[in-house]
C-alpha atoms as a PDB file:
ATOM      1  CA  MET A   1      59.434  83.874 103.747  1.00  0.00           C
ATOM      2  CA  GLU A   2      56.670  86.449 103.449  1.00  0.00           C
ATOM      3  CA  ARG A   3      56.163  88.766 106.382  1.00  0.00           C
ATOM      4  CA  LYS A   4      54.677  92.169 107.200  1.00  0.00           C
ATOM      5  CA  GLY A   5      56.576  95.389 107.623  1.00  0.00           C
ATOM      6  CA  TYR A   6      58.116  96.013 104.202  1.00  0.00           C
ATOM      7  CA  SER A   7      58.756  99.736 103.964  1.00  0.00           C
ATOM      8  CA  HIS A   8      61.088 100.215 100.980  1.00  0.00           C
ATOM      9  CA  PHE A   9      59.068  98.524  98.212  1.00  0.00           C
ATOM     10  CA  ARG A  10      55.999 100.464  97.183  1.00  0.00           C
ATOM     11  CA  ASP A  11      54.650  97.365  95.432  1.00  0.00           C
ATOM     12  CA  LYS A  12      55.123  94.196  97.464  1.00  0.00           C
ATOM     13  CA  GLU A  13      54.510  92.054  94.378  1.00  0.00           C
ATOM     14  CA  CYS A  14      57.674  93.524  92.852  1.00  0.00           C
ATOM     15  CA  LEU A  15      59.593  92.419  95.922  1.00  0.00           C
ATOM     16  CA  PHE A  16      58.227  88.884  95.776  1.00  0.00           C
ATOM     17  CA  LYS A  17      59.008  88.623  92.051  1.00  0.00           C
ATOM     18  CA  VAL A  18      62.655  89.517  92.687  1.00  0.00           C
ATOM     19  CA  LEU A  19      62.844  86.955  95.499  1.00  0.00           C
ATOM     20  CA  GLU A  20      61.454  84.354  93.086  1.00  0.00           C
ATOM     21  CA  GLU A  21      64.133  85.372  90.587  1.00  0.00           C
ATOM     22  CA  ILE A  22      66.780  84.754  93.240  1.00  0.00           C
ATOM     23  CA  LYS A  23      65.377  81.260  93.800  1.00  0.00           C
ATOM     24  CA  ALA A  24      65.289  80.650  90.050  1.00  0.00           C
ATOM     25  CA  ARG A  25      69.098  80.848  89.964  1.00  0.00           C
ATOM     26  CA  VAL A  26      69.078  77.296  91.347  1.00  0.00           C
ATOM     27  CA  ASN A  27      65.790  76.350  89.688  1.00  0.00           C
ATOM     28  CA  HIS A  28      64.156  76.386  93.129  1.00  0.00           C
ATOM     29  CA  ASP A  29      66.019  73.114  93.756  1.00  0.00           C
ATOM     30  CA  TYR A  30      67.609  73.600  97.158  1.00  0.00           C
ATOM     31  CA  SER A  31      68.088  69.902  97.770  1.00  0.00           C
ATOM     32  CA  ASN A  32      70.419  69.818  94.790  1.00  0.00           C
ATOM     33  CA  LEU A  33      72.108  73.023  95.926  1.00  0.00           C
ATOM     34  CA  ALA A  34      72.814  71.428  99.310  1.00  0.00           C
ATOM     35  CA  ILE A  35      74.391  68.458  97.517  1.00  0.00           C
ATOM     36  CA  MET A  36      76.547  70.817  95.428  1.00  0.00           C
ATOM     37  CA  LEU A  37      77.706  72.739  98.491  1.00  0.00           C
ATOM     38  CA  CYS A  38      78.549  69.526 100.347  1.00  0.00           C
ATOM     39  CA  LYS A  39      80.544  68.328  97.361  1.00  0.00           C
ATOM     40  CA  GLU A  40      82.576  71.552  97.347  1.00  0.00           C
ATOM     41  CA  ILE A  41      83.198  71.348 101.096  1.00  0.00           C
ATOM     42  CA  LYS A  42      84.251  67.704 100.804  1.00  0.00           C
ATOM     43  CA  GLU A  43      86.697  68.531  98.009  1.00  0.00           C
ATOM     44  CA  TYR A  44      88.155  71.434  99.993  1.00  0.00           C
ATOM     45  CA  TYR A  45      88.561  69.183 103.029  1.00  0.00           C
ATOM     46  CA  ARG A  46      90.229  66.482 100.928  1.00  0.00           C
ATOM     47  CA  GLN A  47      92.952  68.931  99.902  1.00  0.00           C
ATOM     48  CA  ILE A  48      93.913  69.837 103.484  1.00  0.00           C
ATOM     49  CA  PRO A  49      97.076  67.846 104.244  1.00  0.00           C
ATOM     50  CA  LYS A  50      97.549  65.958 107.482  1.00  0.00           C
ATOM     51  CA  LYS A  51     100.145  67.568 109.741  1.00  0.00           C
ATOM     52  CA  ALA A  52     102.396  66.096 112.374  1.00  0.00           C
ATOM     53  CA  ASP A  53     101.894  67.181 115.987  1.00  0.00           C
ATOM     54  CA  GLU A  54     104.649  67.545 118.580  1.00  0.00           C
ATOM     55  CA  SER A  55     104.888  63.774 118.948  1.00  0.00           C
ATOM     56  CA  GLY A  56     105.190  63.249 115.206  1.00  0.00           C
ATOM     57  CA  LYS A  57     101.687  61.791 114.878  1.00  0.00           C
ATOM     58  CA  LYS A  58      99.760  62.875 111.781  1.00  0.00           C
ATOM     59  CA  VAL A  59      96.737  64.977 112.745  1.00  0.00           C
ATOM     60  CA  LYS A  60      93.582  64.659 110.652  1.00  0.00           C
ATOM     61  CA  PRO A  61      92.200  68.036 109.547  1.00  0.00           C
ATOM     62  CA  LYS A  62      89.216  69.696 111.230  1.00  0.00           C
ATOM     63  CA  LEU A  63      86.752  72.203 109.857  1.00  0.00           C
ATOM     64  CA  LEU A  64      86.022  74.959 112.382  1.00  0.00           C
ATOM     65  CA  VAL A  65      82.892  77.096 112.451  1.00  0.00           C
ATOM     66  CA  GLY A  66      82.052  79.994 114.717  1.00  0.00           C
ATOM     67  CA  LEU A  67      78.505  78.905 115.565  1.00  0.00           C
ATOM     68  CA  SER A  68      76.272  81.730 116.759  1.00  0.00           C
ATOM     69  CA  GLY A  69      73.071  79.716 116.595  1.00  0.00           C
ATOM     70  CA  GLY A  70      71.802  81.900 113.771  1.00  0.00           C
ATOM     71  CA  VAL A  71      70.543  80.415 110.533  1.00  0.00           C
ATOM     72  CA  ASP A  72      73.692  81.199 108.498  1.00  0.00           C
ATOM     73  CA  SER A  73      76.262  79.584 110.775  1.00  0.00           C
ATOM     74  CA  SER A  74      73.877  76.714 111.561  1.00  0.00           C
ATOM     75  CA  VAL A  75      73.436  75.931 107.865  1.00  0.00           C
ATOM     76  CA  VAL A  76      77.224  75.928 107.421  1.00  0.00           C
ATOM     77  CA  VAL A  77      77.659  73.487 110.327  1.00  0.00           C
ATOM     78  CA  TYR A  78      74.963  71.180 108.926  1.00  0.00           C
ATOM     79  CA  LEU A  79      76.514  71.237 105.453  1.00  0.00           C
ATOM     80  CA  ALA A  80      80.014  70.608 106.788  1.00  0.00           C
ATOM     81  CA  ALA A  81      78.868  67.721 108.983  1.00  0.00           C
ATOM     82  CA  LYS A  82      76.986  66.219 106.055  1.00  0.00           C
ATOM     83  CA  ALA A  83      80.013  66.635 103.785  1.00  0.00           C
ATOM     84  CA  VAL A  84      82.879  65.329 105.921  1.00  0.00           C
ATOM     85  CA  GLY A  85      81.260  63.754 108.976  1.00  0.00           C
ATOM     86  CA  VAL A  86      80.334  65.384 112.262  1.00  0.00           C
ATOM     87  CA  GLU A  87      83.511  64.037 113.895  1.00  0.00           C
ATOM     88  CA  ASN A  88      85.581  66.268 111.591  1.00  0.00           C
ATOM     89  CA  VAL A  89      83.659  69.474 112.338  1.00  0.00           C
ATOM     90  CA  VAL A  90      84.154  71.651 115.418  1.00  0.00           C
ATOM     91  CA  ALA A  91      81.411  74.237 115.978  1.00  0.00           C
ATOM     92  CA  ILE A  92      82.516  76.716 118.643  1.00  0.00           C
ATOM     93  CA  THR A  93      80.177  79.217 120.313  1.00  0.00           C
ATOM     94  CA  MET A  94      81.763  82.229 122.023  1.00  0.00           C
ATOM     95  CA  PRO A  95      79.196  84.223 124.040  1.00  0.00           C
ATOM     96  CA  ALA A  96      80.288  87.705 125.082  1.00  0.00           C
ATOM     97  CA  ARG A  97      77.876  87.963 128.010  1.00  0.00           C
ATOM     98  CA  GLY A  98      76.301  85.642 130.529  1.00  0.00           C
ATOM     99  CA  ASN A  99      72.738  85.783 129.172  1.00  0.00           C
ATOM    100  CA  ASP A 100      73.709  85.352 125.513  1.00  0.00           C
ATOM    101  CA  LYS A 101      70.954  83.320 123.823  1.00  0.00           C
ATOM    102  CA  SER A 102      73.433  82.071 121.220  1.00  0.00           C
ATOM    103  CA  VAL A 103      74.371  79.264 123.610  1.00  0.00           C
ATOM    104  CA  HIS A 104      70.838  77.860 123.616  1.00  0.00           C
ATOM    105  CA  PHE A 105      70.453  77.959 119.841  1.00  0.00           C
ATOM    106  CA  SER A 106      73.915  76.607 119.098  1.00  0.00           C
ATOM    107  CA  ASN A 107      73.352  73.760 121.549  1.00  0.00           C
ATOM    108  CA  LEU A 108      70.250  72.808 119.550  1.00  0.00           C
ATOM    109  CA  VAL A 109      72.451  72.409 116.472  1.00  0.00           C
ATOM    110  CA  ARG A 110      75.125  70.354 118.193  1.00  0.00           C
ATOM    111  CA  GLU A 111      72.576  68.129 119.923  1.00  0.00           C
ATOM    112  CA  LYS A 112      70.684  67.413 116.722  1.00  0.00           C
ATOM    113  CA  LEU A 113      73.885  66.569 114.850  1.00  0.00           C
ATOM    114  CA  GLY A 114      75.298  64.471 117.676  1.00  0.00           C
ATOM    115  CA  MET A 115      78.329  66.726 118.079  1.00  0.00           C
ATOM    116  CA  ASN A 116      79.235  65.530 121.559  1.00  0.00           C
ATOM    117  CA  ASP A 117      82.955  64.819 121.705  1.00  0.00           C
ATOM    118  CA  GLN A 118      83.590  64.974 125.463  1.00  0.00           C
ATOM    119  CA  SER A 119      87.210  66.034 124.894  1.00  0.00           C
ATOM    120  CA  VAL A 120      86.063  69.297 123.258  1.00  0.00           C
ATOM    121  CA  GLN A 121      84.680  72.411 124.950  1.00  0.00           C
ATOM    122  CA  TYR A 122      82.234  73.732 122.384  1.00  0.00           C
ATOM    123  CA  VAL A 123      81.200  76.839 124.357  1.00  0.00           C
ATOM    124  CA  ILE A 124      84.016  79.268 125.127  1.00  0.00           C
ATOM    125  CA  PRO A 125      82.828  82.391 126.980  1.00  0.00           C
ATOM    126  CA  ILE A 126      84.700  85.549 126.017  1.00  0.00           C
ATOM    127  CA  SER A 127      83.005  87.934 128.465  1.00  0.00           C
ATOM    128  CA  GLU A 128      86.168  88.150 130.568  1.00  0.00           C
ATOM    129  CA  ILE A 129      88.258  88.968 127.489  1.00  0.00           C
ATOM    130  CA  VAL A 130      85.825  91.734 126.554  1.00  0.00           C
ATOM    131  CA  ARG A 131      85.794  93.024 130.141  1.00  0.00           C
ATOM    132  CA  LYS A 132      89.599  93.169 130.173  1.00  0.00           C
ATOM    133  CA  GLU A 133      89.609  95.103 126.900  1.00  0.00           C
ATOM    134  CA  ILE A 134      87.221  97.723 128.310  1.00  0.00           C
ATOM    135  CA  GLU A 135      89.265  97.889 131.491  1.00  0.00           C
ATOM    136  CA  THR A 136      92.492  98.350 129.534  1.00  0.00           C
ATOM    137  CA  ILE A 137      91.086 101.074 127.286  1.00  0.00           C
ATOM    138  CA  ASN A 138      89.550 102.892 130.241  1.00  0.00           C
ATOM    139  CA  SER A 139      92.859 102.878 132.110  1.00  0.00           C
ATOM    140  CA  LEU A 140      94.568 104.858 129.348  1.00  0.00           C
ATOM    141  CA  ARG A 141      95.485 108.476 129.938  1.00  0.00           C
ATOM    142  CA  TRP A 142      93.690 109.454 126.769  1.00  0.00           C
ATOM    143  CA  LYS A 143      90.857 111.932 126.879  1.00  0.00           C
ATOM    144  CA  GLY A 144      87.638 110.794 125.227  1.00  0.00           C
ATOM    145  CA  ILE A 145      88.832 107.254 124.425  1.00  0.00           C
ATOM    146  CA  ALA A 146      86.988 105.440 127.244  1.00  0.00           C
ATOM    147  CA  ILE A 147      84.183 102.938 126.692  1.00  0.00           C
ATOM    148  CA  ASN A 148      81.143 103.205 128.935  1.00  0.00           C
ATOM    149  CA  ALA A 149      80.754  99.800 130.572  1.00  0.00           C
ATOM    150  CA  VAL A 150      77.309 100.583 132.014  1.00  0.00           C
ATOM    151  CA  ARG A 151      74.887  99.130 129.455  1.00  0.00           C
ATOM    152  CA  LYS A 152      72.047 101.583 130.097  1.00  0.00           C
ATOM    153  CA  ARG A 153      74.401 104.508 129.505  1.00  0.00           C
ATOM    154  CA  GLN A 154      76.191 103.156 126.471  1.00  0.00           C
ATOM    155  CA  THR A 155      76.096 105.038 123.187  1.00  0.00           C
ATOM    156  CA  ASP A 156      75.858 103.334 119.802  1.00  0.00           C
ATOM    157  CA  MET A 157      79.615 103.885 119.467  1.00  0.00           C
ATOM    158  CA  ASP A 158      80.269 102.132 122.792  1.00  0.00           C
ATOM    159  CA  ARG A 159      78.203  99.142 121.728  1.00  0.00           C
ATOM    160  CA  MET A 160      79.816  99.015 118.302  1.00  0.00           C
ATOM    161  CA  ARG A 161      83.329  99.102 119.739  1.00  0.00           C
ATOM    162  CA  ILE A 162      82.536  96.311 122.186  1.00  0.00           C
ATOM    163  CA  GLY A 163      80.794  94.246 119.510  1.00  0.00           C
ATOM    164  CA  ASN A 164      83.619  94.660 117.008  1.00  0.00           C
ATOM    165  CA  PHE A 165      86.214  93.714 119.596  1.00  0.00           C
ATOM    166  CA  ALA A 166      84.233  90.610 120.540  1.00  0.00           C
ATOM    167  CA  SER A 167      83.976  89.700 116.854  1.00  0.00           C
ATOM    168  CA  ARG A 168      87.741  89.935 116.427  1.00  0.00           C
ATOM    169  CA  ALA A 169      88.361  88.033 119.649  1.00  0.00           C
ATOM    170  CA  ARG A 170      86.267  85.152 118.309  1.00  0.00           C
ATOM    171  CA  ILE A 171      88.342  84.971 115.147  1.00  0.00           C
ATOM    172  CA  ALA A 172      91.574  85.075 117.161  1.00  0.00           C
ATOM    173  CA  ILE A 173      90.379  82.141 119.269  1.00  0.00           C
ATOM    174  CA  LEU A 174      89.230  80.134 116.248  1.00  0.00           C
ATOM    175  CA  TYR A 175      92.588  80.521 114.539  1.00  0.00           C
ATOM    176  CA  ASP A 176      94.491  79.687 117.697  1.00  0.00           C
ATOM    177  CA  ILE A 177      92.522  76.442 117.996  1.00  0.00           C
ATOM    178  CA  ALA A 178      92.872  75.795 114.257  1.00  0.00           C
ATOM    179  CA  ARG A 179      96.644  76.009 114.558  1.00  0.00           C
ATOM    180  CA  LYS A 180      96.686  73.275 117.181  1.00  0.00           C
ATOM    181  CA  VAL A 181      94.166  70.869 115.621  1.00  0.00           C
ATOM    182  CA  ASN A 182      95.173  71.296 111.961  1.00  0.00           C
ATOM    183  CA  GLY A 183      91.959  73.141 111.272  1.00  0.00           C
ATOM    184  CA  LYS A 184      90.536  75.453 108.651  1.00  0.00           C
ATOM    185  CA  VAL A 185      87.890  78.081 109.422  1.00  0.00           C
ATOM    186  CA  LEU A 186      84.714  78.064 107.324  1.00  0.00           C
ATOM    187  CA  GLY A 187      83.041  81.363 106.510  1.00  0.00           C
ATOM    188  CA  THR A 188      79.407  81.971 107.403  1.00  0.00           C
ATOM    189  CA  GLY A 189      78.737  85.357 105.784  1.00  0.00           C
ATOM    190  CA  ASN A 190      76.182  85.844 103.003  1.00  0.00           C
ATOM    191  CA  ARG A 191      75.934  88.004  99.887  1.00  0.00           C
ATOM    192  CA  PRO A 192      73.900  90.975 101.224  1.00  0.00           C
ATOM    193  CA  GLU A 193      76.221  91.254 104.248  1.00  0.00           C
ATOM    194  CA  PHE A 194      79.253  91.203 101.961  1.00  0.00           C
ATOM    195  CA  VAL A 195      78.138  94.016  99.638  1.00  0.00           C
ATOM    196  CA  GLN A 196      77.078  96.175 102.588  1.00  0.00           C
ATOM    197  CA  GLY A 197      80.225  95.528 104.608  1.00  0.00           C
ATOM    198  CA  TYR A 198      78.121  94.245 107.485  1.00  0.00           C
ATOM    199  CA  ALA A 199      81.004  92.726 109.422  1.00  0.00           C
ATOM    200  CA  ALA A 200      83.834  93.766 111.697  1.00  0.00           C
ATOM    201  CA  LYS A 201      87.043  94.109 109.712  1.00  0.00           C
ATOM    202  CA  TYR A 202      89.297  91.160 110.619  1.00  0.00           C
ATOM    203  CA  GLY A 203      86.406  89.708 112.622  1.00  0.00           C
ATOM    204  CA  THR A 204      83.350  87.556 112.038  1.00  0.00           C
ATOM    205  CA  PRO A 205      81.962  86.711 109.552  1.00  0.00           C
ATOM    206  CA  ILE A 206      84.461  88.242 107.117  1.00  0.00           C
ATOM    207  CA  SER A 207      87.590  86.362 108.245  1.00  0.00           C
ATOM    208  CA  PHE A 208      87.892  82.703 107.234  1.00  0.00           C
ATOM    209  CA  ASP A 209      89.769  80.204 105.087  1.00  0.00           C
ATOM    210  CA  PHE A 210      86.922  79.013 102.865  1.00  0.00           C
ATOM    211  CA  GLY A 211      83.572  80.717 102.359  1.00  0.00           C
ATOM    212  CA  ILE A 212      80.404  78.653 101.995  1.00  0.00           C
ATOM    213  CA  LEU A 213      77.510  81.094 101.534  1.00  0.00           C
ATOM    214  CA  ASP A 214      79.269  83.983  99.774  1.00  0.00           C
ATOM    215  CA  GLU A 215      77.125  83.862  96.625  1.00  0.00           C
ATOM    216  CA  LEU A 216      73.868  83.158  98.452  1.00  0.00           C
ATOM    217  CA  TYR A 217      71.166  85.437  99.803  1.00  0.00           C
ATOM    218  CA  LYS A 218      69.205  85.073 103.012  1.00  0.00           C
ATOM    219  CA  THR A 219      66.340  83.830 100.850  1.00  0.00           C
ATOM    220  CA  ASP A 220      68.556  80.946  99.695  1.00  0.00           C
ATOM    221  CA  ILE A 221      69.804  80.222 103.194  1.00  0.00           C
ATOM    222  CA  TYR A 222      66.324  79.905 104.685  1.00  0.00           C
ATOM    223  CA  GLU A 223      65.423  77.492 101.888  1.00  0.00           C
ATOM    224  CA  LEU A 224      68.561  75.460 102.629  1.00  0.00           C
ATOM    225  CA  ALA A 225      67.698  75.484 106.335  1.00  0.00           C
ATOM    226  CA  THR A 226      64.344  73.903 105.537  1.00  0.00           C
ATOM    227  CA  VAL A 227      65.867  71.291 103.235  1.00  0.00           C
ATOM    228  CA  LEU A 228      68.511  70.418 105.832  1.00  0.00           C
ATOM    229  CA  ASN A 229      65.831  70.145 108.525  1.00  0.00           C
ATOM    230  CA  LEU A 230      67.298  72.674 110.936  1.00  0.00           C
ATOM    231  CA  PRO A 231      65.457  73.174 114.244  1.00  0.00           C
ATOM    232  CA  GLU A 232      62.378  75.353 113.742  1.00  0.00           C
ATOM    233  CA  GLU A 233      63.504  77.622 116.581  1.00  0.00           C
ATOM    234  CA  ILE A 234      66.564  78.604 114.569  1.00  0.00           C
ATOM    235  CA  ILE A 235      64.692  79.077 111.298  1.00  0.00           C
ATOM    236  CA  ASN A 236      62.123  81.291 113.014  1.00  0.00           C
ATOM    237  CA  LYS A 237      64.475  83.354 115.191  1.00  0.00           C
ATOM    238  CA  THR A 238      65.148  86.988 114.322  1.00  0.00           C
ATOM    239  CA  PRO A 239      68.619  87.434 112.753  1.00  0.00           C
ATOM    240  CA  SER A 240      71.040  89.120 115.156  1.00  0.00           C
ATOM    241  CA  THR A 241      74.787  89.563 115.672  1.00  0.00           C
ATOM    242  CA  GLY A 242      74.183  89.407 119.423  1.00  0.00           C
ATOM    243  CA  TYR A 243      76.361  92.499 119.910  1.00  0.00           C
ATOM    244  CA  PHE A 244      73.983  93.695 122.594  1.00  0.00           C
ATOM    245  CA  PRO A 245      70.590  92.577 123.982  1.00  0.00           C
ATOM    246  CA  GLY A 246      67.774  93.230 121.535  1.00  0.00           C
ATOM    247  CA  GLN A 247      70.028  93.906 118.550  1.00  0.00           C
ATOM    248  CA  THR A 248      68.703  92.703 115.176  1.00  0.00           C
ATOM    249  CA  HIS A 249      70.095  92.817 111.647  1.00  0.00           C
ATOM    250  CA  GLU A 250      66.925  94.284 110.244  1.00  0.00           C
ATOM    251  CA  GLU A 251      66.625  97.102 112.749  1.00  0.00           C
ATOM    252  CA  GLU A 252      70.297  98.001 112.482  1.00  0.00           C
ATOM    253  CA  LEU A 253      70.268  98.024 108.669  1.00  0.00           C
ATOM    254  CA  GLY A 254      66.813  99.564 108.452  1.00  0.00           C
ATOM    255  CA  ALA A 255      65.287  96.987 106.129  1.00  0.00           C
ATOM    256  CA  THR A 256      63.944  93.450 106.194  1.00  0.00           C
ATOM    257  CA  CYS A 257      66.207  90.616 105.040  1.00  0.00           C
ATOM    258  CA  GLU A 258      63.974  90.163 101.995  1.00  0.00           C
ATOM    259  CA  GLU A 259      64.341  93.815 100.977  1.00  0.00           C
ATOM    260  CA  GLN A 260      68.105  93.668 101.434  1.00  0.00           C
ATOM    261  CA  ASP A 261      68.247  90.498  99.339  1.00  0.00           C
ATOM    262  CA  ALA A 262      66.196  91.943  96.517  1.00  0.00           C
ATOM    263  CA  LEU A 263      68.067  95.244  96.258  1.00  0.00           C
ATOM    264  CA  ALA A 264      71.519  93.641  96.584  1.00  0.00           C
ATOM    265  CA  PHE A 265      70.554  91.192  93.831  1.00  0.00           C
ATOM    266  CA  LEU A 266      69.374  93.953  91.496  1.00  0.00           C
ATOM    267  CA  LEU A 267      72.334  96.255  92.152  1.00  0.00           C
ATOM    268  CA  PHE A 268      75.284  93.923  92.319  1.00  0.00           C
ATOM    269  CA  GLU A 269      74.273  90.811  90.418  1.00  0.00           C
ATOM    270  CA  LYS A 270      71.839  92.050  87.795  1.00  0.00           C
ATOM    271  CA  ARG A 271      73.748  95.364  87.574  1.00  0.00           C
ATOM    272  CA  LYS A 272      70.592  97.456  87.314  1.00  0.00           C
ATOM    273  CA  GLY A 273      70.869 101.250  87.432  1.00  0.00           C
ATOM    274  CA  ILE A 274      69.295 103.413  90.115  1.00  0.00           C
ATOM    275  CA  ASP A 275      66.619 104.921  87.865  1.00  0.00           C
ATOM    276  CA  GLU A 276      65.523 101.537  86.515  1.00  0.00           C
ATOM    277  CA  ILE A 277      65.360 100.035  90.001  1.00  0.00           C
ATOM    278  CA  VAL A 278      63.268 102.905  91.331  1.00  0.00           C
ATOM    279  CA  LYS A 279      60.905 103.018  88.353  1.00  0.00           C
ATOM    280  CA  LYS A 280      60.525  99.337  87.430  1.00  0.00           C
ATOM    281  CA  TYR A 281      60.746  97.695  90.841  1.00  0.00           C
ATOM    282  CA  LYS A 282      59.018 100.441  92.853  1.00  0.00           C
ATOM    283  CA  ILE A 283      61.873 100.752  95.372  1.00  0.00           C
ATOM    284  CA  LYS A 284      62.376 103.971  97.289  1.00  0.00           C
ATOM    285  CA  LYS A 285      65.399 105.873  95.995  1.00  0.00           C
ATOM    286  CA  ALA A 286      66.625 106.628  99.521  1.00  0.00           C
ATOM    287  CA  PHE A 287      66.978 102.893 100.214  1.00  0.00           C
ATOM    288  CA  VAL A 288      68.939 102.375  96.995  1.00  0.00           C
ATOM    289  CA  LYS A 289      71.276 105.252  97.844  1.00  0.00           C
ATOM    290  CA  THR A 290      71.757 103.933 101.384  1.00  0.00           C
ATOM    291  CA  MET A 291      72.872 100.512 100.147  1.00  0.00           C
ATOM    292  CA  LEU A 292      75.194 102.059  97.565  1.00  0.00           C
ATOM    293  CA  LYS A 293      76.706 104.270 100.250  1.00  0.00           C
ATOM    294  CA  ARG A 294      77.360 101.223 102.447  1.00  0.00           C
ATOM    295  CA  TYR A 295      78.879  99.467  99.462  1.00  0.00           C
ATOM    296  CA  GLU A 296      81.298 102.328  98.749  1.00  0.00           C
ATOM    297  CA  ARG A 297      82.142 102.809 102.420  1.00  0.00           C
ATOM    298  CA  SER A 298      83.036  99.137 102.896  1.00  0.00           C
ATOM    299  CA  LYS A 299      85.243  98.734  99.828  1.00  0.00           C
ATOM    300  CA  GLU A 300      88.363  97.911 101.860  1.00  0.00           C
ATOM    301  CA  LYS A 301      86.575  95.039 103.602  1.00  0.00           C
ATOM    302  CA  ARG A 302      85.848  93.350 100.292  1.00  0.00           C
ATOM    303  CA  MET A 303      89.532  93.451  99.431  1.00  0.00           C
ATOM    304  CA  LEU A 304      90.001  90.873 102.212  1.00  0.00           C
ATOM    305  CA  ARG A 305      87.945  88.263 100.339  1.00  0.00           C
ATOM    306  CA  GLN A 306      89.165  84.695 100.772  1.00  0.00           C
ATOM    307  CA  PRO A 307      88.461  81.643  98.578  1.00  0.00           C
ATOM    308  CA  HIS A 308      84.824  80.610  98.583  1.00  0.00           C
ATOM    309  CA  ILE A 309      82.426  78.201  96.916  1.00  0.00           C
ATOM    310  CA  LYS A 310      81.735  79.519  93.429  1.00  0.00           C
ATOM    311  CA  LEU A 311      78.322  78.742  92.013  1.00  0.00           C
ATOM    312  CA  GLY A 312      78.713  80.757  88.822  1.00  0.00           C
ATOM    313  CA  PHE A 313      76.505  83.650  89.883  1.00  0.00           C
ATOM    314  CA  ILE A 314      79.362  86.091  90.527  1.00  0.00           C
ATOM    315  CA  GLU A 315      82.006  86.850  87.900  1.00  0.00           C
ATOM    316  CA  ASP A 316      85.570  85.745  88.684  1.00  0.00           C
ATOM    317  CA  GLY A 317      87.781  88.624  89.751  1.00  0.00           C
ATOM    318  CA  ASN A 318      84.783  90.748  90.651  1.00  0.00           C
ATOM    319  CA  VAL A 319      85.253  92.021  94.218  1.00  0.00           C
ATOM    320  CA  GLN A 320      81.573  92.908  94.343  1.00  0.00           C
END
């Protein structure tokens, strides 16, 4: 996963050594890790009881995933389908605008897995819900509360408010569907996102019933994507929340995924101190302080943690 543009590691070899250390946690054996994850998903699914619908008929459980077409959610869908059968997995894509590329990428996943139940609508546009929210807020007699709906004139705050609302709307829809089909929502967030609070509170990807990738880094997830034979388009696409056109994780967080992985690993798993990280691993102190600031600022989000697959990397009871 080597690429150009690393700006926070003065010595790139230090970065690559930390990434190799992350992979060493599973002995570089991602095929076996995929088997372990599937086993955990299968066991979780087995414990979900069947429930009676309005007619008294027992309804078999479903595992629901908010599928954005990104590598994280795609890996979760692949693992779930492998674990319990594609017929027991419902991967829903909820684009917030008409030209949202998430539809294309998520369709690649469903097509490759054969997820084609004609009784299910897998793409649920939420653009009208978002439009109504903006309209409602802008109708309030409240000075300074309005959201600029004109994209070219929107501030970062406007975009963040719209994106966060869309994120929460997706979770609301997933849980509404889950209630009807006896479903449980699988989490798609990863370790670096969790420690930085990179998620909308009560929205995606922090709200779920059972987390799959919580102890894994983007480095791990790309390796799993290769092992699971995900479409190359998805593996190669730039990570994005899709909050607005052109948005990327790396630009918004100011660091490559690899740099975020390495620093999160050193800070919150290896428990290295700032001075040691800066001196030994040749990482710029400003980057370390930025991640620590995000960690402190997002403390309340981590208090919402739900059950997740435990691989033994993170200590029990440790909200980090």
